C-alpha atoms as a PDB file:
ATOM      1  CA  MET A   1      25.471 -46.273  51.938  1.00  0.00           C
ATOM      2  CA  LEU A   2      23.986 -46.103  55.420  1.00  0.00           C
ATOM      3  CA  GLN A   3      20.406 -47.438  55.568  1.00  0.00           C
ATOM      4  CA  TYR A   4      17.870 -47.341  58.373  1.00  0.00           C
ATOM      5  CA  ASN A   5      14.899 -49.713  58.157  1.00  0.00           C
ATOM      6  CA  LEU A   6      11.810 -48.245  59.848  1.00  0.00           C
ATOM      7  CA  ASP A   7       9.982 -51.546  59.257  1.00  0.00           C
ATOM      8  CA  GLN A   8      12.178 -53.453  61.701  1.00  0.00           C
ATOM      9  CA  PRO A   9      10.716 -54.566  65.043  1.00  0.00           C
ATOM     10  CA  THR A  10      10.589 -51.863  67.694  1.00  0.00           C
ATOM     11  CA  ASN A  11      13.482 -52.185  70.119  1.00  0.00           C
ATOM     12  CA  GLU A  12      12.196 -50.658  73.343  1.00  0.00           C
ATOM     13  CA  LEU A  13      14.869 -50.033  75.915  1.00  0.00           C
ATOM     14  CA  SER A  14      14.286 -52.551  78.648  1.00  0.00           C
ATOM     15  CA  ILE A  15      15.794 -52.296  82.067  1.00  0.00           C
ATOM     16  CA  PRO A  16      16.572 -55.307  84.205  1.00  0.00           C
ATOM     17  CA  LYS A  17      14.512 -56.087  87.269  1.00  0.00           C
ATOM     18  CA  GLU A  18      16.043 -55.242  90.622  1.00  0.00           C
ATOM     19  CA  GLY A  19      18.266 -57.990  91.984  1.00  0.00           C
ATOM     20  CA  GLU A  20      21.668 -59.586  91.649  1.00  0.00           C
ATOM     21  CA  TYR A  21      23.106 -60.732  88.317  1.00  0.00           C
ATOM     22  CA  ASN A  22      26.321 -62.253  87.052  1.00  0.00           C
ATOM     23  CA  ALA A  23      27.804 -59.595  84.800  1.00  0.00           C
ATOM     24  CA  THR A  24      30.754 -59.020  82.494  1.00  0.00           C
ATOM     25  CA  ILE A  25      32.318 -55.614  81.905  1.00  0.00           C
ATOM     26  CA  LEU A  26      32.100 -54.920  78.163  1.00  0.00           C
ATOM     27  CA  ASN A  27      33.556 -51.424  78.030  1.00  0.00           C
ATOM     28  CA  ILE A  28      34.917 -48.607  80.140  1.00  0.00           C
ATOM     29  CA  LYS A  29      35.436 -44.990  79.190  1.00  0.00           C
ATOM     30  CA  ALA A  30      36.149 -41.671  80.859  1.00  0.00           C
ATOM     31  CA  GLY A  31      33.050 -39.954  82.184  1.00  0.00           C
ATOM     32  CA  LYS A  32      32.339 -36.347  83.030  1.00  0.00           C
ATOM     33  CA  ASP A  33      34.067 -34.650  85.927  1.00  0.00           C
ATOM     34  CA  ARG A  34      31.671 -34.089  88.822  1.00  0.00           C
ATOM     35  CA  ASP A  35      31.646 -31.418  91.495  1.00  0.00           C
ATOM     36  CA  THR A  36      31.676 -33.145  94.885  1.00  0.00           C
ATOM     37  CA  VAL A  37      32.394 -32.155  98.466  1.00  0.00           C
ATOM     38  CA  TRP A  38      36.028 -33.112  97.747  1.00  0.00           C
ATOM     39  CA  GLY A  39      36.201 -30.804  94.716  1.00  0.00           C
ATOM     40  CA  THR A  40      36.099 -31.802  91.073  1.00  0.00           C
ATOM     41  CA  THR A  41      36.220 -35.591  90.827  1.00  0.00           C
ATOM     42  CA  PRO A  42      36.686 -37.567  87.587  1.00  0.00           C
ATOM     43  CA  SER A  43      34.366 -40.451  86.757  1.00  0.00           C
ATOM     44  CA  ALA A  44      34.428 -43.595  84.655  1.00  0.00           C
ATOM     45  CA  VAL A  45      31.482 -45.132  82.790  1.00  0.00           C
ATOM     46  CA  LEU A  46      31.287 -48.923  82.776  1.00  0.00           C
ATOM     47  CA  LEU A  47      29.084 -50.984  80.469  1.00  0.00           C
ATOM     48  CA  PHE A  48      27.995 -54.309  81.972  1.00  0.00           C
ATOM     49  CA  GLU A  49      26.351 -57.211  80.157  1.00  0.00           C
ATOM     50  CA  LEU A  50      24.142 -59.204  82.481  1.00  0.00           C
ATOM     51  CA  GLU A  51      23.731 -62.968  82.353  1.00  0.00           C
ATOM     52  CA  ASN A  52      20.329 -62.496  80.638  1.00  0.00           C
ATOM     53  CA  GLY A  53      21.854 -60.417  77.819  1.00  0.00           C
ATOM     54  CA  GLN A  54      20.616 -57.044  79.078  1.00  0.00           C
ATOM     55  CA  LYS A  55      23.122 -54.221  79.316  1.00  0.00           C
ATOM     56  CA  VAL A  56      23.523 -51.644  82.070  1.00  0.00           C
ATOM     57  CA  MET A  57      25.716 -48.557  81.941  1.00  0.00           C
ATOM     58  CA  GLN A  58      26.894 -47.066  85.221  1.00  0.00           C
ATOM     59  CA  SER A  59      28.923 -43.944  85.946  1.00  0.00           C
ATOM     60  CA  MET A  60      31.267 -44.238  88.935  1.00  0.00           C
ATOM     61  CA  LEU A  61      33.334 -41.604  90.685  1.00  0.00           C
ATOM     62  CA  MET A  62      37.081 -42.239  90.609  1.00  0.00           C
ATOM     63  CA  TYR A  63      38.097 -41.898  94.243  1.00  0.00           C
ATOM     64  CA  VAL A  64      39.624 -44.158  96.865  1.00  0.00           C
ATOM     65  CA  GLY A  65      37.537 -44.840  99.945  1.00  0.00           C
ATOM     66  CA  LYS A  66      35.325 -47.361 101.708  1.00  0.00           C
ATOM     67  CA  ASP A  67      32.266 -46.415  99.614  1.00  0.00           C
ATOM     68  CA  SER A  68      34.041 -46.398  96.232  1.00  0.00           C
ATOM     69  CA  LEU A  69      32.247 -48.812  93.912  1.00  0.00           C
ATOM     70  CA  LEU A  70      35.011 -48.500  91.310  1.00  0.00           C
ATOM     71  CA  GLN A  71      37.658 -49.363  93.889  1.00  0.00           C
ATOM     72  CA  LYS A  72      35.636 -52.413  94.929  1.00  0.00           C
ATOM     73  CA  ILE A  73      35.403 -53.629  91.316  1.00  0.00           C
ATOM     74  CA  VAL A  74      39.152 -53.158  90.778  1.00  0.00           C
ATOM     75  CA  GLU A  75      40.022 -55.004  93.973  1.00  0.00           C
ATOM     76  CA  LEU A  76      37.756 -57.986  93.329  1.00  0.00           C
ATOM     77  CA  THR A  77      38.459 -58.479  89.620  1.00  0.00           C
ATOM     78  CA  LEU A  78      42.105 -57.506  89.087  1.00  0.00           C
ATOM     79  CA  ASP A  79      44.784 -59.654  90.660  1.00  0.00           C
ATOM     80  CA  THR A  80      47.313 -56.924  91.289  1.00  0.00           C
ATOM     81  CA  THR A  81      49.240 -55.278  94.075  1.00  0.00           C
ATOM     82  CA  GLU A  82      50.022 -52.229  91.939  1.00  0.00           C
ATOM     83  CA  LYS A  83      49.002 -48.846  93.360  1.00  0.00           C
ATOM     84  CA  GLU A  84      48.013 -47.563  89.906  1.00  0.00           C
ATOM     85  CA  VAL A  85      46.054 -49.647  87.393  1.00  0.00           C
ATOM     86  CA  ASN A  86      44.903 -49.209  83.822  1.00  0.00           C
ATOM     87  CA  LEU A  87      41.107 -49.382  84.075  1.00  0.00           C
ATOM     88  CA  CYS A  88      40.923 -50.879  80.566  1.00  0.00           C
ATOM     89  CA  GLN A  89      42.092 -54.112  82.244  1.00  0.00           C
ATOM     90  CA  LEU A  90      38.560 -54.388  83.659  1.00  0.00           C
ATOM     91  CA  VAL A  91      37.115 -55.165  80.207  1.00  0.00           C
ATOM     92  CA  GLY A  92      36.183 -58.839  80.079  1.00  0.00           C
ATOM     93  CA  LYS A  93      36.210 -59.262  83.863  1.00  0.00           C
ATOM     94  CA  SER A  94      33.139 -60.706  85.588  1.00  0.00           C
ATOM     95  CA  CYS A  95      31.455 -60.107  88.923  1.00  0.00           C
ATOM     96  CA  VAL A  96      28.012 -60.075  90.508  1.00  0.00           C
ATOM     97  CA  VAL A  97      26.202 -56.726  90.314  1.00  0.00           C
ATOM     98  CA  LYS A  98      23.298 -55.597  92.459  1.00  0.00           C
ATOM     99  CA  ILE A  99      20.737 -53.586  90.481  1.00  0.00           C
ATOM    100  CA  GLN A 100      18.330 -51.119  92.076  1.00  0.00           C
ATOM    101  CA  HIS A 101      15.896 -48.806  90.323  1.00  0.00           C
ATOM    102  CA  ALA A 102      15.842 -45.026  90.591  1.00  0.00           C
ATOM    103  CA  HIS A 103      12.837 -43.022  89.421  1.00  0.00           C
ATOM    104  CA  GLN A 104      13.180 -39.519  88.020  1.00  0.00           C
ATOM    105  CA  ASN A 105      10.745 -37.492  85.901  1.00  0.00           C
ATOM    106  CA  ASP A 106       8.558 -40.466  84.888  1.00  0.00           C
ATOM    107  CA  THR A 107      11.653 -42.469  83.886  1.00  0.00           C
ATOM    108  CA  THR A 108      13.042 -45.530  85.636  1.00  0.00           C
ATOM    109  CA  TYR A 109      16.795 -46.116  85.643  1.00  0.00           C
ATOM    110  CA  ALA A 110      18.685 -49.281  86.573  1.00  0.00           C
ATOM    111  CA  ASN A 111      21.681 -48.503  88.774  1.00  0.00           C
ATOM    112  CA  VAL A 112      24.549 -50.743  89.814  1.00  0.00           C
ATOM    113  CA  VAL A 113      24.647 -50.118  93.570  1.00  0.00           C
ATOM    114  CA  ASP A 114      27.029 -52.858  94.706  1.00  0.00           C
ATOM    115  CA  VAL A 115      29.346 -55.532  93.343  1.00  0.00           C
ATOM    116  CA  PHE A 116      30.479 -58.926  94.645  1.00  0.00           C
ATOM    117  CA  PRO A 117      32.916 -61.590  93.495  1.00  0.00           C
ATOM    118  CA  LEU A 118      31.402 -64.427  91.470  1.00  0.00           C
ATOM    119  CA  SER A 119      32.163 -66.747  94.392  1.00  0.00           C
ATOM    120  CA  GLU A 120      29.417 -64.975  96.378  1.00  0.00           C
ATOM    121  CA  GLN A 121      26.658 -65.468  93.807  1.00  0.00           C
ATOM    122  CA  GLN A 122      23.313 -66.658  95.081  1.00  0.00           C
ATOM    123  CA  VAL A 123      22.401 -70.300  94.388  1.00  0.00           C
END
């Protein structure tokens, strides 16, 4: 039987403050294809757990280029020279994420806007 207790404490979705956090990738899954200037581009959705226990989900376009956040994560967390990688290998890897807020229709979203190796974390 599946029960839902309405008497439990309210769990409001909290978003992390802007800043840099040590983070671990908990999950990755295929996202929706997006129409871009390069045509239809696939995306991946990564779930990060921050050092304070908060979780952030971020969709990233799957392209190769100097502004590719996904490429940056692959290059700094996976020790490989392979030209093609299984993105599931990212699960369990850690890095520093930079969080910035975006505001849309009275809602605030936390976005991962950059990533760094753990060796560059702020002291």
